[in-house]
Amino acid sequence: MTNAPAKTTPKDVFLHLFNIVTFYLSVIGFITLYIQYIIALFPDPLNYYFSGIADSVRVSTSILFISVPAFLLSSWLLAKDLKAIPEKRDLKLRKWLIYFTLFISAITIIIDLIIFVYNFLNGELTLQFFLKVLVVLLVAGSVFGYYIWELRRSQAISRIPKILTIAVSAVVVCSIILGFFIVGTPADQRERRFDEQRVSSLQMLQSQIVDYWVRKSALPESTKDLENNISGFIVPTDPGSKADYEYRVLSPLSFELCAVFSRASKESGLAGRGMKVPSPYFNSFQQNWDHDAGRFCWTRTIDPDLYKVNKAGTPLPIPVSEPVRY
């Protein structure tokens, strides 16, 4: 006499769907995290922005920090349920989700290999790209191999899931800790964001100073002269100390802007050492904004041939289009 097949309960639906969704999130977070580590450790001078890497690492770390414990907890509950009722191994919902995961991992492997071959034939194969392909291939292959084993095993009791749980937990913890050595601690990230804000504020001040000179043919005596209740411009202050940025007139065409920075602009963790990080293009007044740690100043000189002064000393008129006549 054979045992009657187990019925799917709402609890089974919840646990299986919750388990598979957290598993997908964990895999995506893990792959994304290591891809960003590879980009940071083997940077491409033509495409390197540390702020983008740091943001991706924070997102991936957050996903792993929450989804992996949730996945392990739901896996433990499922294993406990299967141990009590072994017939639930044959639930259609469980098999559908396993086969769907096998399908996704197989397609990922195929696409990963296609991308590898395409780039190899295109002559653009670099160490960074090879390592990215390898990470995706290893993760997708491991997922495919594990679920094939899960389908084929006949015994509900096995030490392999427990061993894998310990191994996965150790890898995830080490991966998160590794990020502190590559992109820095949360305190380091906050200091970098403060420095980025300082540079952005100085760029804004420089733009306003040049515009002031173009309109009035003279440099402002202080940054307070730049405030305008019509345009709404308010002079920014240091985001950390709340102090005013230093501004000094050196000559009728030269001025100096200073700020105190937490770290040098070229320091971007392990990845940025010995490599100049390209700055994005902000506006027509963009110049070199590299700086050292501590107090740092930039001297700017206005070129009268480049920035034409309105001889009347008044703002340039705004062109108004003539009305259309029919």
C-alpha atoms as a PDB file:
ATOM      1  CA  MET A   1       0.000   0.000   0.000  1.00  0.00           C
ATOM      2  CA  THR A   2       1.501   3.329  -1.081  1.00  0.00           C
ATOM      3  CA  ASN A   3       1.281   6.513   0.917  1.00  0.00           C
ATOM      4  CA  ALA A   4      -1.168   9.135  -0.321  1.00  0.00           C
ATOM      5  CA  PRO A   5       0.540  12.193  -1.867  1.00  0.00           C
ATOM      6  CA  ALA A   6       0.814  15.169   0.452  1.00  0.00           C
ATOM      7  CA  LYS A   7      -1.419  18.148  -0.232  1.00  0.00           C
ATOM      8  CA  THR A   8      -0.104  21.660  -0.729  1.00  0.00           C
ATOM      9  CA  THR A   9      -1.070  23.942   2.145  1.00  0.00           C
ATOM     10  CA  PRO A  10      -0.921  27.751   2.344  1.00  0.00           C
ATOM     11  CA  LYS A  11       2.093  27.311   4.627  1.00  0.00           C
ATOM     12  CA  ASP A  12       3.881  25.332   1.897  1.00  0.00           C
ATOM     13  CA  VAL A  13       3.157  28.029  -0.691  1.00  0.00           C
ATOM     14  CA  PHE A  14       4.460  30.745   1.603  1.00  0.00           C
ATOM     15  CA  LEU A  15       7.642  28.933   2.617  1.00  0.00           C
ATOM     16  CA  HIS A  16       8.569  27.768  -0.893  1.00  0.00           C
ATOM     17  CA  LEU A  17       7.921  31.129  -2.558  1.00  0.00           C
ATOM     18  CA  PHE A  18       9.654  33.032   0.232  1.00  0.00           C
ATOM     19  CA  ASN A  19      12.602  30.663   0.056  1.00  0.00           C
ATOM     20  CA  ILE A  20      13.047  30.915  -3.705  1.00  0.00           C
ATOM     21  CA  VAL A  21      12.659  34.716  -3.830  1.00  0.00           C
ATOM     22  CA  THR A  22      15.230  35.265  -1.075  1.00  0.00           C
ATOM     23  CA  PHE A  23      17.490  32.782  -2.849  1.00  0.00           C
ATOM     24  CA  TYR A  24      17.294  34.746  -6.106  1.00  0.00           C
ATOM     25  CA  LEU A  25      17.984  37.992  -4.240  1.00  0.00           C
ATOM     26  CA  SER A  26      20.986  36.417  -2.529  1.00  0.00           C
ATOM     27  CA  VAL A  27      22.447  35.148  -5.805  1.00  0.00           C
ATOM     28  CA  ILE A  28      21.931  38.493  -7.560  1.00  0.00           C
ATOM     29  CA  GLY A  29      23.450  40.382  -4.619  1.00  0.00           C
ATOM     30  CA  PHE A  30      26.437  38.005  -4.456  1.00  0.00           C
ATOM     31  CA  ILE A  31      27.206  38.224  -8.178  1.00  0.00           C
ATOM     32  CA  THR A  32      26.787  41.999  -8.233  1.00  0.00           C
ATOM     33  CA  LEU A  33      29.006  42.393  -5.172  1.00  0.00           C
ATOM     34  CA  TYR A  34      31.888  40.419  -6.638  1.00  0.00           C
ATOM     35  CA  ILE A  35      31.587  42.085 -10.023  1.00  0.00           C
ATOM     36  CA  GLN A  36      32.031  45.449  -8.280  1.00  0.00           C
ATOM     37  CA  TYR A  37      35.002  44.070  -6.338  1.00  0.00           C
ATOM     38  CA  ILE A  38      36.583  42.975  -9.633  1.00  0.00           C
ATOM     39  CA  ILE A  39      35.982  46.419 -11.163  1.00  0.00           C
ATOM     40  CA  ALA A  40      37.593  48.043  -8.119  1.00  0.00           C
ATOM     41  CA  LEU A  41      40.601  45.696  -7.951  1.00  0.00           C
ATOM     42  CA  PHE A  42      41.221  45.626 -11.718  1.00  0.00           C
ATOM     43  CA  PRO A  43      40.072  49.086 -12.835  1.00  0.00           C
ATOM     44  CA  ASP A  44      39.639  50.189 -16.416  1.00  0.00           C
ATOM     45  CA  PRO A  45      41.073  53.728 -16.834  1.00  0.00           C
ATOM     46  CA  LEU A  46      38.493  54.427 -19.544  1.00  0.00           C
ATOM     47  CA  ASN A  47      35.530  53.530 -17.353  1.00  0.00           C
ATOM     48  CA  TYR A  48      36.164  53.978 -13.645  1.00  0.00           C
ATOM     49  CA  TYR A  49      33.974  55.876 -11.200  1.00  0.00           C
ATOM     50  CA  PHE A  50      34.574  54.947  -7.600  1.00  0.00           C
ATOM     51  CA  SER A  51      31.366  56.558  -6.361  1.00  0.00           C
ATOM     52  CA  GLY A  52      29.340  54.242  -8.618  1.00  0.00           C
ATOM     53  CA  ILE A  53      31.270  51.203  -7.391  1.00  0.00           C
ATOM     54  CA  ALA A  54      30.737  52.194  -3.764  1.00  0.00           C
ATOM     55  CA  ASP A  55      26.996  52.655  -4.314  1.00  0.00           C
ATOM     56  CA  SER A  56      26.681  49.229  -5.948  1.00  0.00           C
ATOM     57  CA  VAL A  57      28.673  47.608  -3.146  1.00  0.00           C
ATOM     58  CA  ARG A  58      26.391  49.179  -0.542  1.00  0.00           C
ATOM     59  CA  VAL A  59      23.275  47.964  -2.362  1.00  0.00           C
ATOM     60  CA  SER A  60      24.656  44.436  -2.834  1.00  0.00           C
ATOM     61  CA  THR A  61      25.837  44.239   0.769  1.00  0.00           C
ATOM     62  CA  SER A  62      22.415  45.341   2.006  1.00  0.00           C
ATOM     63  CA  ILE A  63      20.745  42.662  -0.121  1.00  0.00           C
ATOM     64  CA  LEU A  64      23.066  39.950   1.185  1.00  0.00           C
ATOM     65  CA  PHE A  65      22.804  41.125   4.788  1.00  0.00           C
ATOM     66  CA  ILE A  66      19.016  40.678   4.771  1.00  0.00           C
ATOM     67  CA  SER A  67      18.203  38.088   2.111  1.00  0.00           C
ATOM     68  CA  VAL A  68      20.782  35.424   3.038  1.00  0.00           C
ATOM     69  CA  PRO A  69      19.633  35.018   6.682  1.00  0.00           C
ATOM     70  CA  ALA A  70      16.019  34.997   5.451  1.00  0.00           C
ATOM     71  CA  PHE A  71      16.878  32.317   2.880  1.00  0.00           C
ATOM     72  CA  LEU A  72      18.718  30.178   5.418  1.00  0.00           C
ATOM     73  CA  LEU A  73      15.877  30.479   7.915  1.00  0.00           C
ATOM     74  CA  SER A  74      13.235  29.489   5.362  1.00  0.00           C
ATOM     75  CA  SER A  75      15.467  26.611   4.175  1.00  0.00           C
ATOM     76  CA  TRP A  76      15.725  25.355   7.751  1.00  0.00           C
ATOM     77  CA  LEU A  77      11.949  25.495   8.169  1.00  0.00           C
ATOM     78  CA  LEU A  78      11.439  23.635   4.887  1.00  0.00           C
ATOM     79  CA  ALA A  79      13.984  20.972   5.856  1.00  0.00           C
ATOM     80  CA  LYS A  80      12.274  20.555   9.212  1.00  0.00           C
ATOM     81  CA  ASP A  81       8.914  20.168   7.472  1.00  0.00           C
ATOM     82  CA  LEU A  82      10.293  17.626   4.973  1.00  0.00           C
ATOM     83  CA  LYS A  83      11.825  15.630   7.798  1.00  0.00           C
ATOM     84  CA  ALA A  84       8.455  15.422   9.526  1.00  0.00           C
ATOM     85  CA  ILE A  85       6.505  14.719   6.309  1.00  0.00           C
ATOM     86  CA  PRO A  86       8.857  13.166   3.681  1.00  0.00           C
ATOM     87  CA  GLU A  87       5.981  12.968   1.179  1.00  0.00           C
ATOM     88  CA  LYS A  88       6.210  16.732   0.705  1.00  0.00           C
ATOM     89  CA  ARG A  89       9.345  16.207  -1.369  1.00  0.00           C
ATOM     90  CA  ASP A  90       6.985  15.316  -4.214  1.00  0.00           C
ATOM     91  CA  LEU A  91       4.905  18.489  -4.020  1.00  0.00           C
ATOM     92  CA  LYS A  92       4.295  19.884  -7.484  1.00  0.00           C
ATOM     93  CA  LEU A  93       4.983  23.423  -6.278  1.00  0.00           C
ATOM     94  CA  ARG A  94       8.397  22.392  -4.980  1.00  0.00           C
ATOM     95  CA  LYS A  95       9.358  20.629  -8.210  1.00  0.00           C
ATOM     96  CA  TRP A  96       8.087  23.485 -10.376  1.00  0.00           C
ATOM     97  CA  LEU A  97      10.242  25.978  -8.469  1.00  0.00           C
ATOM     98  CA  ILE A  98      13.299  23.721  -8.612  1.00  0.00           C
ATOM     99  CA  TYR A  99      12.955  23.154 -12.358  1.00  0.00           C
ATOM    100  CA  PHE A 100      12.372  26.872 -12.916  1.00  0.00           C
ATOM    101  CA  THR A 101      15.575  27.611 -11.004  1.00  0.00           C
ATOM    102  CA  LEU A 102      17.429  25.039 -13.110  1.00  0.00           C
ATOM    103  CA  PHE A 103      16.091  26.738 -16.232  1.00  0.00           C
ATOM    104  CA  ILE A 104      17.212  30.193 -15.083  1.00  0.00           C
ATOM    105  CA  SER A 105      20.680  28.967 -14.109  1.00  0.00           C
ATOM    106  CA  ALA A 106      21.102  27.057 -17.405  1.00  0.00           C
ATOM    107  CA  ILE A 107      20.077  30.107 -19.455  1.00  0.00           C
ATOM    108  CA  THR A 108      22.476  32.260 -17.391  1.00  0.00           C
ATOM    109  CA  ILE A 109      25.346  29.873 -18.155  1.00  0.00           C
ATOM    110  CA  ILE A 110      24.534  29.882 -21.875  1.00  0.00           C
ATOM    111  CA  ILE A 111      24.311  33.684 -22.064  1.00  0.00           C
ATOM    112  CA  ASP A 112      27.500  34.051 -20.024  1.00  0.00           C
ATOM    113  CA  LEU A 113      29.403  31.792 -22.428  1.00  0.00           C
ATOM    114  CA  ILE A 114      27.958  33.581 -25.471  1.00  0.00           C
ATOM    115  CA  ILE A 115      29.171  36.929 -24.091  1.00  0.00           C
ATOM    116  CA  PHE A 116      32.575  35.392 -23.404  1.00  0.00           C
ATOM    117  CA  VAL A 117      32.954  34.058 -26.957  1.00  0.00           C
ATOM    118  CA  TYR A 118      31.691  37.305 -28.501  1.00  0.00           C
ATOM    119  CA  ASN A 119      34.180  39.442 -26.597  1.00  0.00           C
ATOM    120  CA  PHE A 120      36.971  36.979 -27.330  1.00  0.00           C
ATOM    121  CA  LEU A 121      36.287  37.251 -31.062  1.00  0.00           C
ATOM    122  CA  ASN A 122      36.008  41.024 -30.752  1.00  0.00           C
ATOM    123  CA  GLY A 123      39.467  41.229 -29.197  1.00  0.00           C
ATOM    124  CA  GLU A 124      38.220  43.009 -26.057  1.00  0.00           C
ATOM    125  CA  LEU A 125      39.026  40.268 -23.576  1.00  0.00           C
ATOM    126  CA  THR A 126      40.639  41.713 -20.433  1.00  0.00           C
ATOM    127  CA  LEU A 127      41.389  40.268 -17.021  1.00  0.00           C
ATOM    128  CA  GLN A 128      38.500  42.250 -15.548  1.00  0.00           C
ATOM    129  CA  PHE A 129      36.047  40.844 -18.088  1.00  0.00           C
ATOM    130  CA  PHE A 130      37.381  37.286 -17.718  1.00  0.00           C
ATOM    131  CA  LEU A 131      36.923  37.393 -13.938  1.00  0.00           C
ATOM    132  CA  LYS A 132      33.372  38.757 -14.320  1.00  0.00           C
ATOM    133  CA  VAL A 133      32.463  35.895 -16.650  1.00  0.00           C
ATOM    134  CA  LEU A 134      34.103  33.424 -14.276  1.00  0.00           C
ATOM    135  CA  VAL A 135      32.121  34.662 -11.267  1.00  0.00           C
ATOM    136  CA  VAL A 136      28.794  34.380 -13.088  1.00  0.00           C
ATOM    137  CA  LEU A 137      29.742  30.954 -14.462  1.00  0.00           C
ATOM    138  CA  LEU A 138      30.788  29.582 -11.072  1.00  0.00           C
ATOM    139  CA  VAL A 139      27.698  30.852  -9.262  1.00  0.00           C
ATOM    140  CA  ALA A 140      25.233  29.718 -11.943  1.00  0.00           C
ATOM    141  CA  GLY A 141      27.013  26.367 -12.271  1.00  0.00           C
ATOM    142  CA  SER A 142      26.938  25.834  -8.503  1.00  0.00           C
ATOM    143  CA  VAL A 143      23.219  26.601  -8.371  1.00  0.00           C
ATOM    144  CA  PHE A 144      22.520  24.237 -11.270  1.00  0.00           C
ATOM    145  CA  GLY A 145      24.598  21.439  -9.732  1.00  0.00           C
ATOM    146  CA  TYR A 146      23.025  21.772  -6.283  1.00  0.00           C
ATOM    147  CA  TYR A 147      19.437  21.634  -7.504  1.00  0.00           C
ATOM    148  CA  ILE A 148      20.193  18.683  -9.783  1.00  0.00           C
ATOM    149  CA  TRP A 149      21.479  16.895  -6.702  1.00  0.00           C
ATOM    150  CA  GLU A 150      18.423  18.021  -4.740  1.00  0.00           C
ATOM    151  CA  LEU A 151      16.135  16.458  -7.343  1.00  0.00           C
ATOM    152  CA  ARG A 152      18.019  13.181  -7.484  1.00  0.00           C
ATOM    153  CA  ARG A 153      18.572  12.508  -3.788  1.00  0.00           C
ATOM    154  CA  SER A 154      16.088  10.080  -2.313  1.00  0.00           C
ATOM    155  CA  GLN A 155      16.768  10.563   1.402  1.00  0.00           C
ATOM    156  CA  ALA A 156      15.322  13.524   3.234  1.00  0.00           C
ATOM    157  CA  ILE A 157      18.166  13.427   5.794  1.00  0.00           C
ATOM    158  CA  SER A 158      21.612  14.497   4.578  1.00  0.00           C
ATOM    159  CA  ARG A 159      24.598  16.345   6.013  1.00  0.00           C
ATOM    160  CA  ILE A 160      25.312  18.169   2.757  1.00  0.00           C
ATOM    161  CA  PRO A 161      22.691  20.957   3.241  1.00  0.00           C
ATOM    162  CA  LYS A 162      24.057  21.633   6.722  1.00  0.00           C
ATOM    163  CA  ILE A 163      27.622  21.792   5.407  1.00  0.00           C
ATOM    164  CA  LEU A 164      26.525  24.092   2.572  1.00  0.00           C
ATOM    165  CA  THR A 165      24.696  26.339   5.043  1.00  0.00           C
ATOM    166  CA  ILE A 166      27.855  26.805   7.100  1.00  0.00           C
ATOM    167  CA  ALA A 167      29.957  27.350   3.963  1.00  0.00           C
ATOM    168  CA  VAL A 168      27.526  29.876   2.467  1.00  0.00           C
ATOM    169  CA  SER A 169      27.293  31.779   5.744  1.00  0.00           C
ATOM    170  CA  ALA A 170      31.086  31.963   6.000  1.00  0.00           C
ATOM    171  CA  VAL A 171      31.464  33.108   2.379  1.00  0.00           C
ATOM    172  CA  VAL A 172      28.815  35.814   2.764  1.00  0.00           C
ATOM    173  CA  VAL A 173      30.344  37.145   5.993  1.00  0.00           C
ATOM    174  CA  CYS A 174      33.821  37.197   4.435  1.00  0.00           C
ATOM    175  CA  SER A 175      32.426  38.889   1.304  1.00  0.00           C
ATOM    176  CA  ILE A 176      30.837  41.667   3.345  1.00  0.00           C
ATOM    177  CA  ILE A 177      33.995  42.174   5.422  1.00  0.00           C
ATOM    178  CA  LEU A 178      36.061  42.250   2.208  1.00  0.00           C
ATOM    179  CA  GLY A 179      34.093  45.297   1.116  1.00  0.00           C
ATOM    180  CA  PHE A 180      35.485  47.295   4.044  1.00  0.00           C
ATOM    181  CA  PHE A 181      39.004  46.779   2.677  1.00  0.00           C
ATOM    182  CA  ILE A 182      38.006  47.669  -0.900  1.00  0.00           C
ATOM    183  CA  VAL A 183      35.543  50.561  -0.575  1.00  0.00           C
ATOM    184  CA  GLY A 184      36.051  51.449   3.084  1.00  0.00           C
ATOM    185  CA  THR A 185      33.913  51.454   6.194  1.00  0.00           C
ATOM    186  CA  PRO A 186      30.634  53.404   6.463  1.00  0.00           C
ATOM    187  CA  ALA A 187      32.577  56.183   8.203  1.00  0.00           C
ATOM    188  CA  ASP A 188      35.021  56.320   5.278  1.00  0.00           C
ATOM    189  CA  GLN A 189      32.136  56.484   2.819  1.00  0.00           C
ATOM    190  CA  ARG A 190      30.602  59.390   4.723  1.00  0.00           C
ATOM    191  CA  GLU A 191      33.886  61.306   4.631  1.00  0.00           C
ATOM    192  CA  ARG A 192      34.168  60.734   0.875  1.00  0.00           C
ATOM    193  CA  ARG A 193      30.628  62.001   0.354  1.00  0.00           C
ATOM    194  CA  PHE A 194      31.473  65.104   2.391  1.00  0.00           C
ATOM    195  CA  ASP A 195      34.524  65.711   0.179  1.00  0.00           C
ATOM    196  CA  GLU A 196      32.454  65.239  -2.971  1.00  0.00           C
ATOM    197  CA  GLN A 197      29.963  67.798  -1.646  1.00  0.00           C
ATOM    198  CA  ARG A 198      32.783  70.231  -0.903  1.00  0.00           C
ATOM    199  CA  VAL A 199      34.105  69.990  -4.459  1.00  0.00           C
ATOM    200  CA  SER A 200      30.611  70.407  -5.854  1.00  0.00           C
ATOM    201  CA  SER A 201      30.055  73.526  -3.720  1.00  0.00           C
ATOM    202  CA  LEU A 202      33.375  75.035  -4.808  1.00  0.00           C
ATOM    203  CA  GLN A 203      32.506  74.410  -8.447  1.00  0.00           C
ATOM    204  CA  MET A 204      29.219  76.215  -7.891  1.00  0.00           C
ATOM    205  CA  LEU A 205      31.000  79.134  -6.204  1.00  0.00           C
ATOM    206  CA  GLN A 206      33.505  79.377  -9.029  1.00  0.00           C
ATOM    207  CA  SER A 207      30.716  79.476 -11.580  1.00  0.00           C
ATOM    208  CA  GLN A 208      28.948  82.249  -9.674  1.00  0.00           C
ATOM    209  CA  ILE A 209      32.173  84.263  -9.277  1.00  0.00           C
ATOM    210  CA  VAL A 210      32.921  84.123 -12.985  1.00  0.00           C
ATOM    211  CA  ASP A 211      29.336  85.077 -13.810  1.00  0.00           C
ATOM    212  CA  TYR A 212      29.587  88.000 -11.350  1.00  0.00           C
ATOM    213  CA  TRP A 213      32.768  89.216 -13.098  1.00  0.00           C
ATOM    214  CA  VAL A 214      31.169  88.905 -16.543  1.00  0.00           C
ATOM    215  CA  ARG A 215      28.208  91.017 -15.472  1.00  0.00           C
ATOM    216  CA  LYS A 216      30.013  93.618 -13.317  1.00  0.00           C
ATOM    217  CA  SER A 217      33.587  93.539 -14.716  1.00  0.00           C
ATOM    218  CA  ALA A 218      34.929  93.067 -11.181  1.00  0.00           C
ATOM    219  CA  LEU A 219      35.387  90.197  -8.759  1.00  0.00           C
ATOM    220  CA  PRO A 220      33.149  90.098  -5.660  1.00  0.00           C
ATOM    221  CA  GLU A 221      34.817  91.224  -2.446  1.00  0.00           C
ATOM    222  CA  SER A 222      33.355  88.281  -0.569  1.00  0.00           C
ATOM    223  CA  THR A 223      31.122  85.313  -1.305  1.00  0.00           C
ATOM    224  CA  LYS A 224      28.238  87.134   0.394  1.00  0.00           C
ATOM    225  CA  ASP A 225      28.118  89.449  -2.637  1.00  0.00           C
ATOM    226  CA  LEU A 226      27.025  86.448  -4.707  1.00  0.00           C
ATOM    227  CA  GLU A 227      23.768  85.954  -2.807  1.00  0.00           C
ATOM    228  CA  ASN A 228      20.751  87.029  -4.774  1.00  0.00           C
ATOM    229  CA  ASN A 229      17.179  86.935  -3.552  1.00  0.00           C
ATOM    230  CA  ILE A 230      15.881  86.991  -7.127  1.00  0.00           C
ATOM    231  CA  SER A 231      17.863  84.063  -8.515  1.00  0.00           C
ATOM    232  CA  GLY A 232      17.657  82.358  -5.124  1.00  0.00           C
ATOM    233  CA  PHE A 233      21.384  81.619  -4.892  1.00  0.00           C
ATOM    234  CA  ILE A 234      22.619  81.033  -1.341  1.00  0.00           C
ATOM    235  CA  VAL A 235      26.338  80.656  -0.628  1.00  0.00           C
ATOM    236  CA  PRO A 236      26.995  77.029   0.400  1.00  0.00           C
ATOM    237  CA  THR A 237      28.924  76.130   3.538  1.00  0.00           C
ATOM    238  CA  ASP A 238      31.078  73.181   4.497  1.00  0.00           C
ATOM    239  CA  PRO A 239      28.758  70.159   5.065  1.00  0.00           C
ATOM    240  CA  GLY A 240      30.816  68.931   8.007  1.00  0.00           C
ATOM    241  CA  SER A 241      31.955  72.007   9.946  1.00  0.00           C
ATOM    242  CA  LYS A 242      29.233  74.371   8.581  1.00  0.00           C
ATOM    243  CA  ALA A 243      31.972  77.005   8.141  1.00  0.00           C
ATOM    244  CA  ASP A 244      32.191  79.275   5.105  1.00  0.00           C
ATOM    245  CA  TYR A 245      34.534  78.298   2.318  1.00  0.00           C
ATOM    246  CA  GLU A 246      37.629  80.468   2.036  1.00  0.00           C
ATOM    247  CA  TYR A 247      37.604  83.017  -0.784  1.00  0.00           C
ATOM    248  CA  ARG A 248      40.289  85.604  -1.468  1.00  0.00           C
ATOM    249  CA  VAL A 249      40.826  88.107  -4.299  1.00  0.00           C
ATOM    250  CA  LEU A 250      44.419  87.979  -5.560  1.00  0.00           C
ATOM    251  CA  SER A 251      44.216  90.438  -8.457  1.00  0.00           C
ATOM    252  CA  PRO A 252      41.535  92.016 -10.653  1.00  0.00           C
ATOM    253  CA  LEU A 253      41.387  88.740 -12.610  1.00  0.00           C
ATOM    254  CA  SER A 254      42.532  86.135 -10.071  1.00  0.00           C
ATOM    255  CA  PHE A 255      40.933  84.631  -6.999  1.00  0.00           C
ATOM    256  CA  GLU A 256      41.489  81.749  -4.618  1.00  0.00           C
ATOM    257  CA  LEU A 257      39.052  79.143  -3.225  1.00  0.00           C
ATOM    258  CA  CYS A 258      39.973  76.901  -0.284  1.00  0.00           C
ATOM    259  CA  ALA A 259      38.400  74.076   1.694  1.00  0.00           C
ATOM    260  CA  VAL A 260      39.448  71.444   4.240  1.00  0.00           C
ATOM    261  CA  PHE A 261      39.187  67.850   2.964  1.00  0.00           C
ATOM    262  CA  SER A 262      39.147  64.568   4.843  1.00  0.00           C
ATOM    263  CA  ARG A 263      41.271  62.705   2.285  1.00  0.00           C
ATOM    264  CA  ALA A 264      43.056  63.144  -1.021  1.00  0.00           C
ATOM    265  CA  SER A 265      40.874  62.988  -4.129  1.00  0.00           C
ATOM    266  CA  LYS A 266      42.979  60.171  -5.605  1.00  0.00           C
ATOM    267  CA  GLU A 267      42.456  57.986  -2.551  1.00  0.00           C
ATOM    268  CA  SER A 268      39.554  55.649  -3.281  1.00  0.00           C
ATOM    269  CA  GLY A 269      40.398  52.630  -1.172  1.00  0.00           C
ATOM    270  CA  LEU A 270      42.492  49.734  -2.423  1.00  0.00           C
ATOM    271  CA  ALA A 271      41.372  50.204  -6.037  1.00  0.00           C
ATOM    272  CA  GLY A 272      42.300  53.836  -6.389  1.00  0.00           C
ATOM    273  CA  ARG A 273      45.923  53.685  -5.268  1.00  0.00           C
ATOM    274  CA  GLY A 274      48.298  54.740  -8.016  1.00  0.00           C
ATOM    275  CA  MET A 275      45.492  55.528 -10.421  1.00  0.00           C
ATOM    276  CA  LYS A 276      43.977  58.865 -11.343  1.00  0.00           C
ATOM    277  CA  VAL A 277      40.201  58.742 -11.097  1.00  0.00           C
ATOM    278  CA  PRO A 278      38.574  60.683 -13.955  1.00  0.00           C
ATOM    279  CA  SER A 279      36.221  63.453 -12.890  1.00  0.00           C
ATOM    280  CA  PRO A 280      32.880  63.833 -14.642  1.00  0.00           C
ATOM    281  CA  TYR A 281      32.322  66.922 -16.789  1.00  0.00           C
ATOM    282  CA  PHE A 282      30.073  69.338 -14.919  1.00  0.00           C
ATOM    283  CA  ASN A 283      29.940  72.630 -16.806  1.00  0.00           C
ATOM    284  CA  SER A 284      31.867  75.078 -18.956  1.00  0.00           C
ATOM    285  CA  PHE A 285      33.960  76.171 -15.948  1.00  0.00           C
ATOM    286  CA  GLN A 286      35.226  72.644 -15.222  1.00  0.00           C
ATOM    287  CA  GLN A 287      38.938  72.467 -14.348  1.00  0.00           C
ATOM    288  CA  ASN A 288      41.182  70.194 -12.375  1.00  0.00           C
ATOM    289  CA  TRP A 289      39.689  69.620  -8.923  1.00  0.00           C
ATOM    290  CA  ASP A 290      42.187  67.101  -7.559  1.00  0.00           C
ATOM    291  CA  HIS A 291      43.146  67.850  -3.976  1.00  0.00           C
ATOM    292  CA  ASP A 292      45.188  66.536  -1.047  1.00  0.00           C
ATOM    293  CA  ALA A 293      43.927  65.836   2.453  1.00  0.00           C
ATOM    294  CA  GLY A 294      43.595  68.821   4.789  1.00  0.00           C
ATOM    295  CA  ARG A 295      43.378  72.459   3.724  1.00  0.00           C
ATOM    296  CA  PHE A 296      43.712  72.826  -0.041  1.00  0.00           C
ATOM    297  CA  CYS A 297      43.369  75.872  -2.281  1.00  0.00           C
ATOM    298  CA  TRP A 298      42.826  76.500  -5.981  1.00  0.00           C
ATOM    299  CA  THR A 299      43.930  79.667  -7.740  1.00  0.00           C
ATOM    300  CA  ARG A 300      41.792  80.622 -10.739  1.00  0.00           C
ATOM    301  CA  THR A 301      42.525  83.331 -13.298  1.00  0.00           C
ATOM    302  CA  ILE A 302      39.799  84.635 -15.583  1.00  0.00           C
ATOM    303  CA  ASP A 303      40.684  84.996 -19.258  1.00  0.00           C
ATOM    304  CA  PRO A 304      39.000  88.221 -20.535  1.00  0.00           C
ATOM    305  CA  ASP A 305      39.130  86.922 -24.105  1.00  0.00           C
ATOM    306  CA  LEU A 306      37.223  83.822 -23.120  1.00  0.00           C
ATOM    307  CA  TYR A 307      34.654  85.493 -20.869  1.00  0.00           C
ATOM    308  CA  LYS A 308      33.429  88.681 -22.531  1.00  0.00           C
ATOM    309  CA  VAL A 309      32.358  91.490 -20.220  1.00  0.00           C
ATOM    310  CA  ASN A 310      29.138  93.346 -20.913  1.00  0.00           C
ATOM    311  CA  LYS A 311      30.501  96.867 -21.473  1.00  0.00           C
ATOM    312  CA  ALA A 312      27.361  98.514 -20.119  1.00  0.00           C
ATOM    313  CA  GLY A 313      27.832  96.625 -16.883  1.00  0.00           C
ATOM    314  CA  THR A 314      24.295  95.308 -17.056  1.00  0.00           C
ATOM    315  CA  PRO A 315      22.998  91.807 -17.598  1.00  0.00           C
ATOM    316  CA  LEU A 316      22.896  90.679 -21.183  1.00  0.00           C
ATOM    317  CA  PRO A 317      19.405  91.020 -22.669  1.00  0.00           C
ATOM    318  CA  ILE A 318      17.312  87.905 -22.989  1.00  0.00           C
ATOM    319  CA  PRO A 319      16.369  87.340 -26.626  1.00  0.00           C
ATOM    320  CA  VAL A 320      12.622  87.398 -27.233  1.00  0.00           C
ATOM    321  CA  SER A 321      11.209  85.756 -30.292  1.00  0.00           C
ATOM    322  CA  GLU A 322       8.885  87.829 -32.483  1.00  0.00           C
ATOM    323  CA  PRO A 323       5.230  86.810 -32.590  1.00  0.00           C
ATOM    324  CA  VAL A 324       4.230  84.613 -35.459  1.00  0.00           C
ATOM    325  CA  ARG A 325       2.173  86.468 -38.040  1.00  0.00           C
ATOM    326  CA  TYR A 326      -0.394  84.639 -40.124  1.00  0.00           C
END
